[in-house]
């Protein structure tokens, strides 16, 4: 009877340490697998692809806006003319220069 009790106790201790070891190994394996394949997330992968595509288009377009069609350019000119009329003209693409005179006290 004592032999059966010792065997059962030893079996439960072994099972407990075996379970702990398996949990540690599985936890570590998931971390290593995530590091091995950084683009697991499909949304992140799509975002990176779109950034690379935009970079290529931006380099090809030079100083112009990306995907700037003549229709969009015409609409922008209409809007810029309305803004010039509303705010008194001038070059809207440069920062305004302010001159402050020294006030005499």
N, C-alpha and C. Protein backbone atom coordinates (compact mmCIF):
# COMPACT_ATOMS: atom_id res chain seq x y z
N UNK A 1 0.82 -1.18 0.00
CA UNK A 1 0.00 0.00 0.00
C UNK A 1 0.87 1.25 0.00
N UNK A 2 1.92 1.26 0.78
CA UNK A 2 2.83 2.40 0.83
C UNK A 2 3.53 2.56 -0.50
N UNK A 3 3.79 1.45 -1.17
CA UNK A 3 4.45 1.50 -2.47
C UNK A 3 3.52 2.17 -3.50
N UNK A 4 2.26 1.84 -3.45
CA UNK A 4 1.28 2.42 -4.37
C UNK A 4 1.13 3.91 -4.10
N UNK A 5 1.17 4.31 -2.82
CA UNK A 5 1.05 5.72 -2.48
C UNK A 5 2.25 6.51 -2.99
N UNK A 6 3.47 5.95 -2.81
CA UNK A 6 4.68 6.61 -3.28
C UNK A 6 4.67 6.73 -4.81
N UNK A 7 4.23 5.67 -5.47
CA UNK A 7 4.20 5.67 -6.92
C UNK A 7 3.22 6.73 -7.44
N UNK A 8 2.08 6.85 -6.81
CA UNK A 8 1.08 7.83 -7.21
C UNK A 8 1.60 9.25 -6.98
N UNK A 9 2.25 9.47 -5.84
CA UNK A 9 2.81 10.78 -5.52
C UNK A 9 3.92 11.13 -6.51
N UNK A 10 4.79 10.20 -6.83
CA UNK A 10 5.88 10.44 -7.76
C UNK A 10 5.34 10.69 -9.17
N UNK A 11 4.29 9.97 -9.54
CA UNK A 11 3.67 10.16 -10.84
C UNK A 11 3.04 11.55 -10.96
N UNK A 12 2.40 12.03 -9.90
CA UNK A 12 1.77 13.35 -9.94
C UNK A 12 2.84 14.45 -9.99
N UNK A 13 3.96 14.26 -9.28
CA UNK A 13 5.04 15.25 -9.33
C UNK A 13 5.66 15.31 -10.73
N UNK A 14 5.85 14.14 -11.31
CA UNK A 14 6.43 14.08 -12.65
C UNK A 14 5.48 14.72 -13.66
N UNK A 15 4.20 14.45 -13.52
CA UNK A 15 3.21 15.02 -14.44
C UNK A 15 3.19 16.54 -14.30
N UNK A 16 3.29 17.06 -13.08
CA UNK A 16 3.29 18.50 -12.86
C UNK A 16 4.50 19.17 -13.49
N UNK A 17 5.69 18.58 -13.31
CA UNK A 17 6.89 19.18 -13.90
C UNK A 17 6.87 19.05 -15.41
N UNK A 18 6.30 17.96 -15.92
CA UNK A 18 6.18 17.78 -17.36
C UNK A 18 5.24 18.82 -17.96
N UNK A 19 4.13 19.10 -17.30
CA UNK A 19 3.19 20.10 -17.77
C UNK A 19 3.82 21.50 -17.77
N UNK A 20 4.57 21.82 -16.72
CA UNK A 20 5.23 23.12 -16.64
C UNK A 20 6.26 23.26 -17.76
N UNK A 21 6.99 22.22 -18.02
CA UNK A 21 7.99 22.25 -19.08
C UNK A 21 7.33 22.43 -20.45
N UNK A 22 6.22 21.74 -20.67
CA UNK A 22 5.50 21.88 -21.95
C UNK A 22 4.97 23.30 -22.12
N UNK A 23 4.43 23.89 -21.05
CA UNK A 23 3.91 25.25 -21.14
C UNK A 23 5.01 26.24 -21.48
N UNK A 24 6.18 26.08 -20.83
CA UNK A 24 7.31 26.96 -21.12
C UNK A 24 7.77 26.82 -22.57
N UNK A 25 7.88 25.58 -23.03
CA UNK A 25 8.36 25.35 -24.39
C UNK A 25 7.37 25.88 -25.43
N UNK A 26 6.09 25.69 -25.20
CA UNK A 26 5.09 26.20 -26.14
C UNK A 26 5.08 27.72 -26.15
N UNK A 27 5.20 28.31 -24.98
CA UNK A 27 5.23 29.77 -24.90
C UNK A 27 6.44 30.35 -25.62
N UNK A 28 7.59 29.71 -25.44
CA UNK A 28 8.80 30.19 -26.09
C UNK A 28 8.73 29.95 -27.60
N UNK A 29 8.16 28.85 -28.01
CA UNK A 29 8.06 28.55 -29.44
C UNK A 29 7.18 29.58 -30.15
N UNK A 30 6.10 30.01 -29.53
CA UNK A 30 5.23 30.99 -30.17
C UNK A 30 5.95 32.33 -30.32
N UNK A 31 6.76 32.72 -29.34
CA UNK A 31 7.52 33.97 -29.44
C UNK A 31 8.54 33.87 -30.57
N UNK A 32 9.24 32.75 -30.65
CA UNK A 32 10.24 32.58 -31.70
C UNK A 32 9.60 32.54 -33.09
N UNK A 33 8.45 31.92 -33.20
CA UNK A 33 7.79 31.87 -34.49
C UNK A 33 7.30 33.26 -34.92
N UNK A 34 6.85 34.04 -33.97
CA UNK A 34 6.39 35.40 -34.29
C UNK A 34 7.56 36.26 -34.75
N UNK A 35 8.74 36.07 -34.14
CA UNK A 35 9.90 36.85 -34.55
C UNK A 35 10.42 36.39 -35.90
N UNK A 36 10.27 35.12 -36.21
CA UNK A 36 10.76 34.60 -37.47
C UNK A 36 9.95 35.15 -38.64
N UNK A 37 8.66 35.30 -38.47
CA UNK A 37 7.79 35.79 -39.53
C UNK A 37 7.13 37.09 -39.06
N UNK A 38 7.77 38.22 -39.36
CA UNK A 38 7.29 39.50 -38.84
C UNK A 38 6.00 39.95 -39.50
N UNK A 39 5.75 39.52 -40.71
CA UNK A 39 4.55 39.97 -41.43
C UNK A 39 3.41 38.99 -41.30
N UNK A 40 3.13 38.57 -40.09
CA UNK A 40 2.05 37.63 -39.85
C UNK A 40 0.70 38.32 -40.05
N UNK A 41 0.61 39.56 -39.66
CA UNK A 41 -0.63 40.31 -39.73
C UNK A 41 -0.90 40.73 -41.18
N UNK A 42 -2.00 40.29 -41.79
CA UNK A 42 -2.25 40.65 -43.19
C UNK A 42 -2.52 42.14 -43.39
N UNK A 43 -3.08 42.80 -42.39
CA UNK A 43 -3.32 44.24 -42.48
C UNK A 43 -2.00 44.99 -42.52
N UNK A 44 -1.07 44.58 -41.66
CA UNK A 44 0.24 45.21 -41.63
C UNK A 44 0.97 44.97 -42.95
N UNK A 45 0.86 43.79 -43.48
CA UNK A 45 1.50 43.46 -44.75
C UNK A 45 0.94 44.33 -45.88
N UNK A 46 -0.38 44.49 -45.92
CA UNK A 46 -1.02 45.32 -46.93
C UNK A 46 -0.59 46.78 -46.79
N UNK A 47 -0.49 47.27 -45.55
CA UNK A 47 -0.07 48.64 -45.29
C UNK A 47 1.35 48.88 -45.81
N UNK A 48 2.25 47.94 -45.56
CA UNK A 48 3.63 48.08 -46.02
C UNK A 48 3.69 48.05 -47.55
N UNK A 49 2.90 47.19 -48.17
CA UNK A 49 2.86 47.13 -49.63
C UNK A 49 2.37 48.46 -50.21
N UNK A 50 1.34 49.05 -49.62
CA UNK A 50 0.81 50.32 -50.10
C UNK A 50 1.83 51.45 -49.92
N UNK A 51 2.58 51.42 -48.81
CA UNK A 51 3.62 52.43 -48.61
C UNK A 51 4.70 52.31 -49.69
N UNK A 52 5.10 51.09 -50.01
CA UNK A 52 6.11 50.89 -51.04
C UNK A 52 5.59 51.33 -52.41
N UNK A 53 4.32 51.04 -52.70
CA UNK A 53 3.71 51.46 -53.96
C UNK A 53 3.66 52.99 -54.04
N UNK A 54 3.30 53.65 -52.94
CA UNK A 54 3.24 55.11 -52.91
C UNK A 54 4.64 55.71 -53.11
N UNK A 55 5.63 55.08 -52.52
CA UNK A 55 7.01 55.57 -52.66
C UNK A 55 7.44 55.53 -54.12
N UNK A 56 7.11 54.45 -54.82
CA UNK A 56 7.45 54.35 -56.25
C UNK A 56 6.72 55.41 -57.06
N UNK A 57 5.42 55.59 -56.79
CA UNK A 57 4.64 56.58 -57.53
C UNK A 57 5.15 57.99 -57.25
N UNK A 58 5.52 58.25 -56.00
CA UNK A 58 6.01 59.56 -55.62
C UNK A 58 7.33 59.88 -56.31
N UNK A 59 8.20 58.88 -56.41
CA UNK A 59 9.48 59.08 -57.09
C UNK A 59 9.26 59.31 -58.59
N UNK A 60 8.29 58.63 -59.17
CA UNK A 60 8.01 58.77 -60.60
C UNK A 60 7.35 60.11 -60.93
N UNK A 61 6.54 60.64 -60.01
CA UNK A 61 5.82 61.88 -60.30
C UNK A 61 6.68 63.13 -60.13
N UNK A 62 7.78 63.03 -59.43
CA UNK A 62 8.66 64.19 -59.25
C UNK A 62 8.06 65.18 -58.27
N UNK A 63 7.91 66.45 -58.73
CA UNK A 63 7.40 67.51 -57.85
C UNK A 63 5.88 67.56 -57.82
N UNK A 64 5.21 66.86 -58.73
CA UNK A 64 3.75 66.86 -58.78
C UNK A 64 3.17 65.98 -57.67
N UNK A 65 1.89 66.14 -57.43
CA UNK A 65 1.20 65.28 -56.49
C UNK A 65 1.03 63.89 -57.09
N UNK A 66 0.94 62.88 -56.26
CA UNK A 66 0.77 61.51 -56.73
C UNK A 66 -0.65 61.33 -57.26
N UNK A 67 -0.77 60.68 -58.41
CA UNK A 67 -2.07 60.44 -59.07
C UNK A 67 -2.83 61.74 -59.33
N UNK A 68 -2.13 62.74 -59.78
CA UNK A 68 -2.70 64.07 -60.03
C UNK A 68 -3.14 64.14 -61.48
N UNK A 69 -4.42 63.91 -61.72
CA UNK A 69 -4.96 63.91 -63.08
C UNK A 69 -5.29 65.33 -63.52
N UNK A 70 -5.45 65.56 -64.83
CA UNK A 70 -5.82 66.90 -65.30
C UNK A 70 -7.18 67.36 -64.74
N UNK A 71 -8.09 66.42 -64.50
CA UNK A 71 -9.39 66.77 -63.92
C UNK A 71 -9.20 67.31 -62.50
N UNK A 72 -8.36 66.63 -61.72
CA UNK A 72 -8.10 67.09 -60.35
C UNK A 72 -7.38 68.43 -60.36
N UNK A 73 -6.47 68.60 -61.34
CA UNK A 73 -5.74 69.87 -61.43
C UNK A 73 -6.69 71.02 -61.75
N UNK A 74 -7.66 70.79 -62.65
CA UNK A 74 -8.64 71.82 -62.99
C UNK A 74 -9.50 72.17 -61.78
N UNK A 75 -9.92 71.17 -61.01
CA UNK A 75 -10.72 71.43 -59.80
C UNK A 75 -9.91 72.23 -58.78
N UNK A 76 -8.63 71.91 -58.66
CA UNK A 76 -7.79 72.63 -57.71
C UNK A 76 -7.63 74.09 -58.13
N UNK A 77 -7.47 74.33 -59.40
CA UNK A 77 -7.34 75.71 -59.89
C UNK A 77 -8.61 76.52 -59.62
N UNK A 78 -9.78 75.89 -59.80
CA UNK A 78 -11.04 76.58 -59.50
C UNK A 78 -11.09 76.94 -58.02
N UNK A 79 -10.73 76.01 -57.16
CA UNK A 79 -10.73 76.28 -55.72
C UNK A 79 -9.73 77.37 -55.35
N UNK A 80 -8.53 77.33 -55.96
CA UNK A 80 -7.51 78.34 -55.65
C UNK A 80 -7.97 79.72 -56.11
N UNK A 81 -8.64 79.79 -57.26
CA UNK A 81 -9.17 81.09 -57.73
C UNK A 81 -10.21 81.64 -56.77
N UNK A 82 -11.07 80.78 -56.27
CA UNK A 82 -12.08 81.23 -55.29
C UNK A 82 -11.41 81.75 -54.02
N UNK A 83 -10.38 81.07 -53.57
CA UNK A 83 -9.67 81.51 -52.36
C UNK A 83 -8.97 82.84 -52.62
N UNK A 84 -8.34 82.98 -53.81
CA UNK A 84 -7.67 84.25 -54.13
C UNK A 84 -8.66 85.41 -54.14
N UNK A 85 -9.85 85.20 -54.72
CA UNK A 85 -10.87 86.24 -54.75
C UNK A 85 -11.34 86.58 -53.34
N UNK A 86 -11.48 85.56 -52.51
CA UNK A 86 -12.00 85.77 -51.16
C UNK A 86 -10.99 86.49 -50.27
N UNK A 87 -9.69 86.18 -50.44
CA UNK A 87 -8.69 86.74 -49.53
C UNK A 87 -7.76 87.75 -50.17
N UNK A 88 -8.12 88.28 -51.32
CA UNK A 88 -7.36 89.39 -51.87
C UNK A 88 -6.20 89.04 -52.76
N UNK A 89 -6.11 87.84 -53.28
CA UNK A 89 -5.07 87.47 -54.24
C UNK A 89 -3.74 87.19 -53.59
N UNK A 90 -2.71 87.29 -54.41
CA UNK A 90 -1.37 86.99 -53.94
C UNK A 90 -1.01 85.54 -54.19
N UNK A 91 0.22 85.21 -53.87
CA UNK A 91 0.70 83.85 -54.04
C UNK A 91 0.31 83.02 -52.82
N UNK A 92 -0.54 82.06 -53.03
CA UNK A 92 -1.04 81.26 -51.91
C UNK A 92 -0.10 80.12 -51.53
N UNK A 93 0.96 79.93 -52.29
CA UNK A 93 1.85 78.81 -52.02
C UNK A 93 3.09 79.22 -51.23
N UNK A 94 3.19 80.48 -50.85
CA UNK A 94 4.32 80.88 -50.01
C UNK A 94 3.79 81.51 -48.72
N UNK A 95 4.59 81.41 -47.70
CA UNK A 95 4.20 81.94 -46.40
C UNK A 95 4.21 83.46 -46.46
N UNK A 96 3.21 84.12 -45.89
CA UNK A 96 3.16 85.59 -45.94
C UNK A 96 4.29 86.21 -45.13
N UNK A 97 4.73 87.38 -45.59
CA UNK A 97 5.79 88.11 -44.89
C UNK A 97 5.16 89.27 -44.13
N UNK A 98 5.53 89.39 -42.90
CA UNK A 98 4.98 90.45 -42.06
C UNK A 98 6.08 91.45 -41.74
N UNK A 99 5.75 92.72 -41.84
CA UNK A 99 6.67 93.79 -41.47
C UNK A 99 6.05 94.57 -40.32
N UNK A 100 6.73 94.58 -39.21
CA UNK A 100 6.24 95.30 -38.05
C UNK A 100 7.13 96.52 -37.85
N UNK A 101 6.53 97.69 -37.86
CA UNK A 101 7.26 98.93 -37.64
C UNK A 101 7.45 99.12 -36.15
N UNK A 102 8.56 99.70 -35.83
CA UNK A 102 8.83 100.01 -34.43
C UNK A 102 7.92 101.15 -34.00
N UNK A 103 7.13 100.91 -33.01
CA UNK A 103 6.21 101.94 -32.52
C UNK A 103 6.99 102.89 -31.60
N UNK A 104 6.75 104.16 -31.80
CA UNK A 104 7.43 105.12 -30.92
C UNK A 104 6.61 105.28 -29.63
N UNK A 105 7.29 105.29 -28.53
CA UNK A 105 6.62 105.33 -27.24
C UNK A 105 6.33 106.70 -26.77
